[in-house]
Amino acid sequence: MERIILFDGVCNLCNKSVQFIFKRDPSGTFKFASLQSKTGQNLLKAHGLSTDINSFVLIEDKRIYVKSTAALRVCTHLSGLWKMLSVFLVVPPFFRDLLYEWIAKNRYKWFGKKDHCLLPLPEWKSRFLE
């Protein structure tokens, strides 16, 4: 099953989240592409999403998940107790996404922004889509 995470490549919080996922995904379940990359833009178009989407995106077996649903579905595949966060999937997305959108709206202010996308460590390069 193919699982691709699209993330904001200039967002410090998003880049730290990608690093967090790498460390807890030893089997290499996920592949990654930044929203700003050509691959990210092509995947968004192919799945009928706006190319200026402001969300964490999970493409899982040709299905699209965004915002808190995407983040919680990722947690179900991570090692350790992170799987337990998936219980929040029973909470309606409207409520979960209120918190998600508040953090997303303030992420640059709170965590900062880079001028360019994350460059993966050499050992992670094979999991980044170009």
N, C-alpha and C. Protein backbone atom coordinates (compact mmCIF):
# COMPACT_ATOMS: atom_id res chain seq x y z
N MET A 1 0.84 -1.18 0.00
CA MET A 1 0.00 0.00 0.00
C MET A 1 0.88 1.24 0.00
N GLU A 2 0.57 2.15 -0.88
CA GLU A 2 1.35 3.38 -0.98
C GLU A 2 0.81 4.43 -0.01
N ARG A 3 1.73 5.04 0.74
CA ARG A 3 1.38 6.11 1.68
C ARG A 3 2.35 7.27 1.46
N ILE A 4 1.78 8.40 1.04
CA ILE A 4 2.60 9.58 0.75
C ILE A 4 2.10 10.73 1.61
N ILE A 5 3.04 11.40 2.26
CA ILE A 5 2.74 12.58 3.06
C ILE A 5 3.21 13.81 2.29
N LEU A 6 2.29 14.76 2.11
CA LEU A 6 2.63 16.05 1.52
C LEU A 6 2.62 17.07 2.66
N PHE A 7 3.70 17.84 2.75
CA PHE A 7 3.85 18.77 3.86
C PHE A 7 4.37 20.10 3.36
N ASP A 8 4.18 21.13 4.17
CA ASP A 8 4.66 22.47 3.85
C ASP A 8 6.18 22.48 4.05
N GLY A 9 6.91 22.53 2.96
CA GLY A 9 8.36 22.40 3.01
C GLY A 9 9.10 23.58 3.61
N VAL A 10 8.45 24.73 3.77
CA VAL A 10 9.12 25.89 4.35
C VAL A 10 8.74 26.12 5.82
N CYS A 11 7.81 25.35 6.32
CA CYS A 11 7.32 25.48 7.70
C CYS A 11 8.21 24.69 8.66
N ASN A 12 8.75 25.36 9.66
CA ASN A 12 9.60 24.69 10.64
C ASN A 12 8.86 23.59 11.39
N LEU A 13 7.62 23.85 11.80
CA LEU A 13 6.82 22.84 12.50
C LEU A 13 6.61 21.62 11.60
N CYS A 14 6.30 21.86 10.35
CA CYS A 14 6.06 20.76 9.41
C CYS A 14 7.33 19.94 9.18
N ASN A 15 8.47 20.62 9.04
CA ASN A 15 9.73 19.91 8.86
C ASN A 15 10.09 19.08 10.09
N LYS A 16 9.84 19.62 11.27
CA LYS A 16 10.09 18.86 12.51
C LYS A 16 9.14 17.66 12.59
N SER A 17 7.92 17.85 12.10
CA SER A 17 6.96 16.74 12.09
C SER A 17 7.43 15.61 11.17
N VAL A 18 7.98 15.97 10.02
CA VAL A 18 8.51 14.96 9.10
C VAL A 18 9.66 14.20 9.77
N GLN A 19 10.55 14.91 10.43
CA GLN A 19 11.65 14.26 11.14
C GLN A 19 11.12 13.35 12.24
N PHE A 20 10.09 13.79 12.95
CA PHE A 20 9.44 13.01 13.99
C PHE A 20 8.90 11.70 13.41
N ILE A 21 8.22 11.80 12.26
CA ILE A 21 7.65 10.61 11.62
C ILE A 21 8.75 9.66 11.17
N PHE A 22 9.82 10.18 10.57
CA PHE A 22 10.94 9.33 10.14
C PHE A 22 11.46 8.48 11.28
N LYS A 23 11.64 9.08 12.43
CA LYS A 23 12.22 8.38 13.58
C LYS A 23 11.28 7.31 14.13
N ARG A 24 9.99 7.43 13.86
CA ARG A 24 9.01 6.49 14.39
C ARG A 24 8.39 5.62 13.31
N ASP A 25 9.00 5.63 12.15
CA ASP A 25 8.55 4.82 11.01
C ASP A 25 9.74 4.01 10.48
N PRO A 26 10.28 3.13 11.32
CA PRO A 26 11.49 2.40 10.92
C PRO A 26 11.30 1.48 9.71
N SER A 27 10.07 1.06 9.43
CA SER A 27 9.85 0.17 8.29
C SER A 27 9.69 0.94 6.98
N GLY A 28 9.72 2.27 7.05
CA GLY A 28 9.64 3.07 5.83
C GLY A 28 8.27 3.06 5.18
N THR A 29 7.23 3.06 5.99
CA THR A 29 5.86 3.04 5.50
C THR A 29 5.54 4.25 4.63
N PHE A 30 6.09 5.41 5.00
CA PHE A 30 5.72 6.66 4.34
C PHE A 30 6.80 7.16 3.39
N LYS A 31 6.33 7.76 2.30
CA LYS A 31 7.16 8.55 1.39
C LYS A 31 6.74 10.00 1.59
N PHE A 32 7.59 10.93 1.20
CA PHE A 32 7.35 12.35 1.47
C PHE A 32 7.59 13.21 0.24
N ALA A 33 6.82 14.30 0.17
CA ALA A 33 7.06 15.35 -0.83
C ALA A 33 6.52 16.65 -0.25
N SER A 34 7.21 17.73 -0.53
CA SER A 34 6.69 19.01 -0.04
C SER A 34 5.54 19.45 -0.95
N LEU A 35 4.63 20.20 -0.36
CA LEU A 35 3.52 20.75 -1.14
C LEU A 35 4.01 21.63 -2.27
N GLN A 36 5.15 22.29 -2.04
CA GLN A 36 5.69 23.24 -3.02
C GLN A 36 6.45 22.57 -4.17
N SER A 37 6.81 21.31 -3.99
CA SER A 37 7.61 20.63 -5.02
C SER A 37 6.75 20.31 -6.24
N LYS A 38 7.43 20.06 -7.35
CA LYS A 38 6.73 19.67 -8.58
C LYS A 38 5.92 18.39 -8.35
N THR A 39 6.52 17.43 -7.66
CA THR A 39 5.81 16.19 -7.35
C THR A 39 4.59 16.45 -6.49
N GLY A 40 4.77 17.26 -5.45
CA GLY A 40 3.66 17.60 -4.58
C GLY A 40 2.53 18.27 -5.33
N GLN A 41 2.88 19.24 -6.18
CA GLN A 41 1.88 19.94 -6.98
C GLN A 41 1.16 18.98 -7.92
N ASN A 42 1.90 18.09 -8.56
CA ASN A 42 1.30 17.11 -9.47
C ASN A 42 0.37 16.15 -8.73
N LEU A 43 0.76 15.71 -7.54
CA LEU A 43 -0.09 14.82 -6.75
C LEU A 43 -1.37 15.52 -6.32
N LEU A 44 -1.26 16.77 -5.92
CA LEU A 44 -2.45 17.53 -5.53
C LEU A 44 -3.43 17.62 -6.71
N LYS A 45 -2.90 17.99 -7.88
CA LYS A 45 -3.75 18.10 -9.08
C LYS A 45 -4.38 16.76 -9.44
N ALA A 46 -3.58 15.69 -9.38
CA ALA A 46 -4.06 14.36 -9.75
C ALA A 46 -5.19 13.89 -8.84
N HIS A 47 -5.21 14.39 -7.62
CA HIS A 47 -6.24 13.98 -6.67
C HIS A 47 -7.32 15.05 -6.47
N GLY A 48 -7.32 16.04 -7.36
CA GLY A 48 -8.38 17.03 -7.35
C GLY A 48 -8.32 18.05 -6.22
N LEU A 49 -7.13 18.24 -5.64
CA LEU A 49 -6.97 19.22 -4.57
C LEU A 49 -6.36 20.50 -5.13
N SER A 50 -6.66 21.60 -4.50
CA SER A 50 -6.09 22.88 -4.88
C SER A 50 -4.58 22.85 -4.66
N THR A 51 -3.83 23.43 -5.59
CA THR A 51 -2.38 23.45 -5.46
C THR A 51 -1.90 24.45 -4.42
N ASP A 52 -2.80 25.26 -3.90
CA ASP A 52 -2.41 26.18 -2.83
C ASP A 52 -3.03 25.77 -1.49
N ILE A 53 -3.29 24.48 -1.33
CA ILE A 53 -3.85 23.95 -0.09
C ILE A 53 -2.92 24.26 1.08
N ASN A 54 -3.50 24.54 2.20
CA ASN A 54 -2.74 24.88 3.41
C ASN A 54 -3.00 23.80 4.45
N SER A 55 -2.57 22.58 4.16
CA SER A 55 -2.85 21.46 5.03
C SER A 55 -1.81 20.36 4.86
N PHE A 56 -1.65 19.60 5.90
CA PHE A 56 -0.93 18.34 5.88
C PHE A 56 -1.82 17.39 5.08
N VAL A 57 -1.24 16.65 4.15
CA VAL A 57 -2.03 15.76 3.28
C VAL A 57 -1.43 14.36 3.34
N LEU A 58 -2.30 13.38 3.48
CA LEU A 58 -1.90 11.98 3.40
C LEU A 58 -2.62 11.35 2.23
N ILE A 59 -1.85 10.75 1.33
CA ILE A 59 -2.41 9.96 0.24
C ILE A 59 -2.14 8.51 0.63
N GLU A 60 -3.21 7.80 0.87
CA GLU A 60 -3.09 6.42 1.34
C GLU A 60 -3.91 5.52 0.44
N ASP A 61 -3.23 4.70 -0.33
CA ASP A 61 -3.87 3.79 -1.26
C ASP A 61 -4.90 4.51 -2.14
N LYS A 62 -4.47 5.64 -2.71
CA LYS A 62 -5.24 6.46 -3.64
C LYS A 62 -6.39 7.24 -2.99
N ARG A 63 -6.48 7.22 -1.67
CA ARG A 63 -7.47 8.04 -0.95
C ARG A 63 -6.74 9.22 -0.33
N ILE A 64 -7.44 10.33 -0.22
CA ILE A 64 -6.85 11.57 0.29
C ILE A 64 -7.40 11.89 1.67
N TYR A 65 -6.49 12.25 2.56
CA TYR A 65 -6.87 12.71 3.90
C TYR A 65 -6.15 14.03 4.15
N VAL A 66 -6.83 14.96 4.78
CA VAL A 66 -6.24 16.26 5.07
C VAL A 66 -6.46 16.61 6.55
N LYS A 67 -5.72 17.63 6.98
CA LYS A 67 -5.83 18.21 8.32
C LYS A 67 -5.68 17.14 9.40
N SER A 68 -6.54 17.18 10.41
CA SER A 68 -6.36 16.30 11.57
C SER A 68 -6.56 14.83 11.20
N THR A 69 -7.41 14.55 10.23
CA THR A 69 -7.60 13.15 9.83
C THR A 69 -6.32 12.58 9.27
N ALA A 70 -5.62 13.36 8.45
CA ALA A 70 -4.34 12.91 7.89
C ALA A 70 -3.34 12.66 9.01
N ALA A 71 -3.22 13.60 9.93
CA ALA A 71 -2.24 13.47 11.02
C ALA A 71 -2.55 12.26 11.89
N LEU A 72 -3.81 12.05 12.22
CA LEU A 72 -4.17 10.92 13.09
C LEU A 72 -4.00 9.59 12.37
N ARG A 73 -4.27 9.55 11.08
CA ARG A 73 -4.06 8.31 10.32
C ARG A 73 -2.57 7.97 10.24
N VAL A 74 -1.73 8.99 10.15
CA VAL A 74 -0.28 8.75 10.18
C VAL A 74 0.10 8.11 11.51
N CYS A 75 -0.45 8.64 12.59
CA CYS A 75 -0.13 8.12 13.93
C CYS A 75 -0.43 6.63 14.07
N THR A 76 -1.44 6.13 13.35
CA THR A 76 -1.78 4.71 13.45
C THR A 76 -0.66 3.80 12.97
N HIS A 77 0.28 4.34 12.19
CA HIS A 77 1.36 3.54 11.63
C HIS A 77 2.71 3.79 12.31
N LEU A 78 2.75 4.64 13.30
CA LEU A 78 4.02 4.96 13.97
C LEU A 78 4.30 3.97 15.09
N SER A 79 5.57 3.82 15.40
CA SER A 79 5.95 2.95 16.51
C SER A 79 5.67 3.64 17.84
N GLY A 80 5.56 2.84 18.87
CA GLY A 80 5.34 3.39 20.21
C GLY A 80 3.88 3.69 20.49
N LEU A 81 3.68 4.51 21.49
CA LEU A 81 2.32 4.82 21.95
C LEU A 81 1.59 5.81 21.05
N TRP A 82 2.22 6.31 20.02
CA TRP A 82 1.59 7.27 19.12
C TRP A 82 0.36 6.70 18.45
N LYS A 83 0.30 5.37 18.31
CA LYS A 83 -0.87 4.72 17.72
C LYS A 83 -2.13 5.04 18.50
N MET A 84 -1.97 5.27 19.80
CA MET A 84 -3.13 5.51 20.66
C MET A 84 -3.87 6.80 20.29
N LEU A 85 -3.19 7.73 19.65
CA LEU A 85 -3.85 8.97 19.25
C LEU A 85 -4.97 8.73 18.23
N SER A 86 -4.92 7.59 17.59
CA SER A 86 -5.95 7.28 16.58
C SER A 86 -7.34 7.19 17.19
N VAL A 87 -7.45 7.06 18.50
CA VAL A 87 -8.78 7.04 19.14
C VAL A 87 -9.52 8.35 18.86
N PHE A 88 -8.79 9.43 18.61
CA PHE A 88 -9.42 10.71 18.33
C PHE A 88 -10.10 10.75 16.96
N LEU A 89 -9.90 9.71 16.16
CA LEU A 89 -10.61 9.65 14.88
C LEU A 89 -12.12 9.52 15.07
N VAL A 90 -12.56 9.10 16.26
CA VAL A 90 -14.00 9.00 16.53
C VAL A 90 -14.63 10.38 16.76
N VAL A 91 -13.81 11.37 17.08
CA VAL A 91 -14.30 12.74 17.23
C VAL A 91 -14.57 13.29 15.84
N PRO A 92 -15.73 13.90 15.65
CA PRO A 92 -16.04 14.43 14.31
C PRO A 92 -14.96 15.40 13.82
N PRO A 93 -14.60 15.31 12.53
CA PRO A 93 -13.54 16.17 11.98
C PRO A 93 -13.77 17.66 12.21
N PHE A 94 -15.01 18.08 12.21
CA PHE A 94 -15.29 19.50 12.42
C PHE A 94 -14.64 19.99 13.72
N PHE A 95 -14.76 19.22 14.79
CA PHE A 95 -14.20 19.61 16.08
C PHE A 95 -12.68 19.47 16.11
N ARG A 96 -12.18 18.34 15.56
CA ARG A 96 -10.73 18.13 15.53
C ARG A 96 -10.04 19.20 14.69
N ASP A 97 -10.67 19.55 13.58
CA ASP A 97 -10.04 20.50 12.66
C ASP A 97 -10.03 21.93 13.19
N LEU A 98 -10.87 22.25 14.15
CA LEU A 98 -10.80 23.58 14.77
C LEU A 98 -9.43 23.79 15.40
N LEU A 99 -8.96 22.80 16.16
CA LEU A 99 -7.63 22.88 16.78
C LEU A 99 -6.55 22.86 15.70
N TYR A 100 -6.69 21.96 14.73
CA TYR A 100 -5.72 21.86 13.65
C TYR A 100 -5.57 23.20 12.92
N GLU A 101 -6.69 23.81 12.57
CA GLU A 101 -6.66 25.07 11.81
C GLU A 101 -6.08 26.22 12.63
N TRP A 102 -6.32 26.22 13.92
CA TRP A 102 -5.76 27.26 14.79
C TRP A 102 -4.23 27.15 14.81
N ILE A 103 -3.72 25.92 14.95
CA ILE A 103 -2.26 25.72 14.93
C ILE A 103 -1.71 26.06 13.55
N ALA A 104 -2.36 25.59 12.49
CA ALA A 104 -1.90 25.86 11.12
C ALA A 104 -1.84 27.35 10.83
N LYS A 105 -2.83 28.08 11.30
CA LYS A 105 -2.89 29.53 11.07
C LYS A 105 -1.73 30.26 11.74
N ASN A 106 -1.26 29.73 12.86
CA ASN A 106 -0.22 30.40 13.65
C ASN A 106 1.16 29.76 13.55
N ARG A 107 1.29 28.72 12.73
CA ARG A 107 2.54 27.94 12.72
C ARG A 107 3.77 28.76 12.35
N TYR A 108 3.68 29.66 11.39
CA TYR A 108 4.84 30.47 11.02
C TYR A 108 5.21 31.43 12.13
N LYS A 109 4.21 32.00 12.77
CA LYS A 109 4.46 32.95 13.85
C LYS A 109 5.11 32.25 15.05
N TRP A 110 4.62 31.06 15.39
CA TRP A 110 5.11 30.34 16.57
C TRP A 110 6.41 29.58 16.32
N PHE A 111 6.55 28.98 15.15
CA PHE A 111 7.68 28.08 14.89
C PHE A 111 8.65 28.58 13.83
N GLY A 112 8.25 29.60 13.08
CA GLY A 112 9.12 30.15 12.06
C GLY A 112 8.95 29.49 10.71
N LYS A 113 9.69 30.04 9.76
CA LYS A 113 9.57 29.64 8.36
C LYS A 113 10.96 29.68 7.73
N LYS A 114 11.24 28.74 6.85
CA LYS A 114 12.51 28.71 6.13
C LYS A 114 12.34 29.38 4.77
N ASP A 115 13.45 29.75 4.18
CA ASP A 115 13.41 30.33 2.83
C ASP A 115 13.33 29.27 1.74
N HIS A 116 13.63 28.03 2.11
CA HIS A 116 13.64 26.94 1.14
C HIS A 116 13.16 25.66 1.81
N CYS A 117 12.85 24.67 1.01
CA CYS A 117 12.34 23.40 1.53
C CYS A 117 13.44 22.59 2.22
N LEU A 118 13.00 21.70 3.08
CA LEU A 118 13.87 20.79 3.81
C LEU A 118 14.70 19.95 2.84
N LEU A 119 15.99 19.84 3.11
CA LEU A 119 16.84 18.91 2.38
C LEU A 119 16.99 17.68 3.25
N PRO A 120 16.58 16.52 2.74
CA PRO A 120 16.63 15.32 3.57
C PRO A 120 18.06 14.87 3.85
N LEU A 121 18.22 14.23 5.01
CA LEU A 121 19.50 13.61 5.32
C LEU A 121 19.76 12.52 4.28
N PRO A 122 21.02 12.22 3.99
CA PRO A 122 21.31 11.21 2.96
C PRO A 122 20.59 9.88 3.20
N GLU A 123 20.49 9.46 4.45
CA GLU A 123 19.84 8.17 4.74
C GLU A 123 18.32 8.22 4.55
N TRP A 124 17.75 9.40 4.41
CA TRP A 124 16.31 9.57 4.22
C TRP A 124 15.96 9.87 2.76
N LYS A 125 16.93 10.18 1.96
CA LYS A 125 16.69 10.67 0.59
C LYS A 125 15.82 9.73 -0.23
N SER A 126 15.97 8.43 -0.05
CA SER A 126 15.19 7.48 -0.85
C SER A 126 13.70 7.53 -0.55
N ARG A 127 13.33 8.13 0.56
CA ARG A 127 11.91 8.22 0.93
C ARG A 127 11.27 9.53 0.51
N PHE A 128 12.06 10.42 -0.09
CA PHE A 128 11.53 11.67 -0.61
C PHE A 128 11.28 11.52 -2.10
N LEU A 129 10.10 11.91 -2.51
CA LEU A 129 9.75 11.85 -3.93
C LEU A 129 10.24 13.13 -4.59
N GLU A 130 10.78 13.02 -5.75
CA GLU A 130 11.31 14.20 -6.44
C GLU A 130 10.37 14.69 -7.50
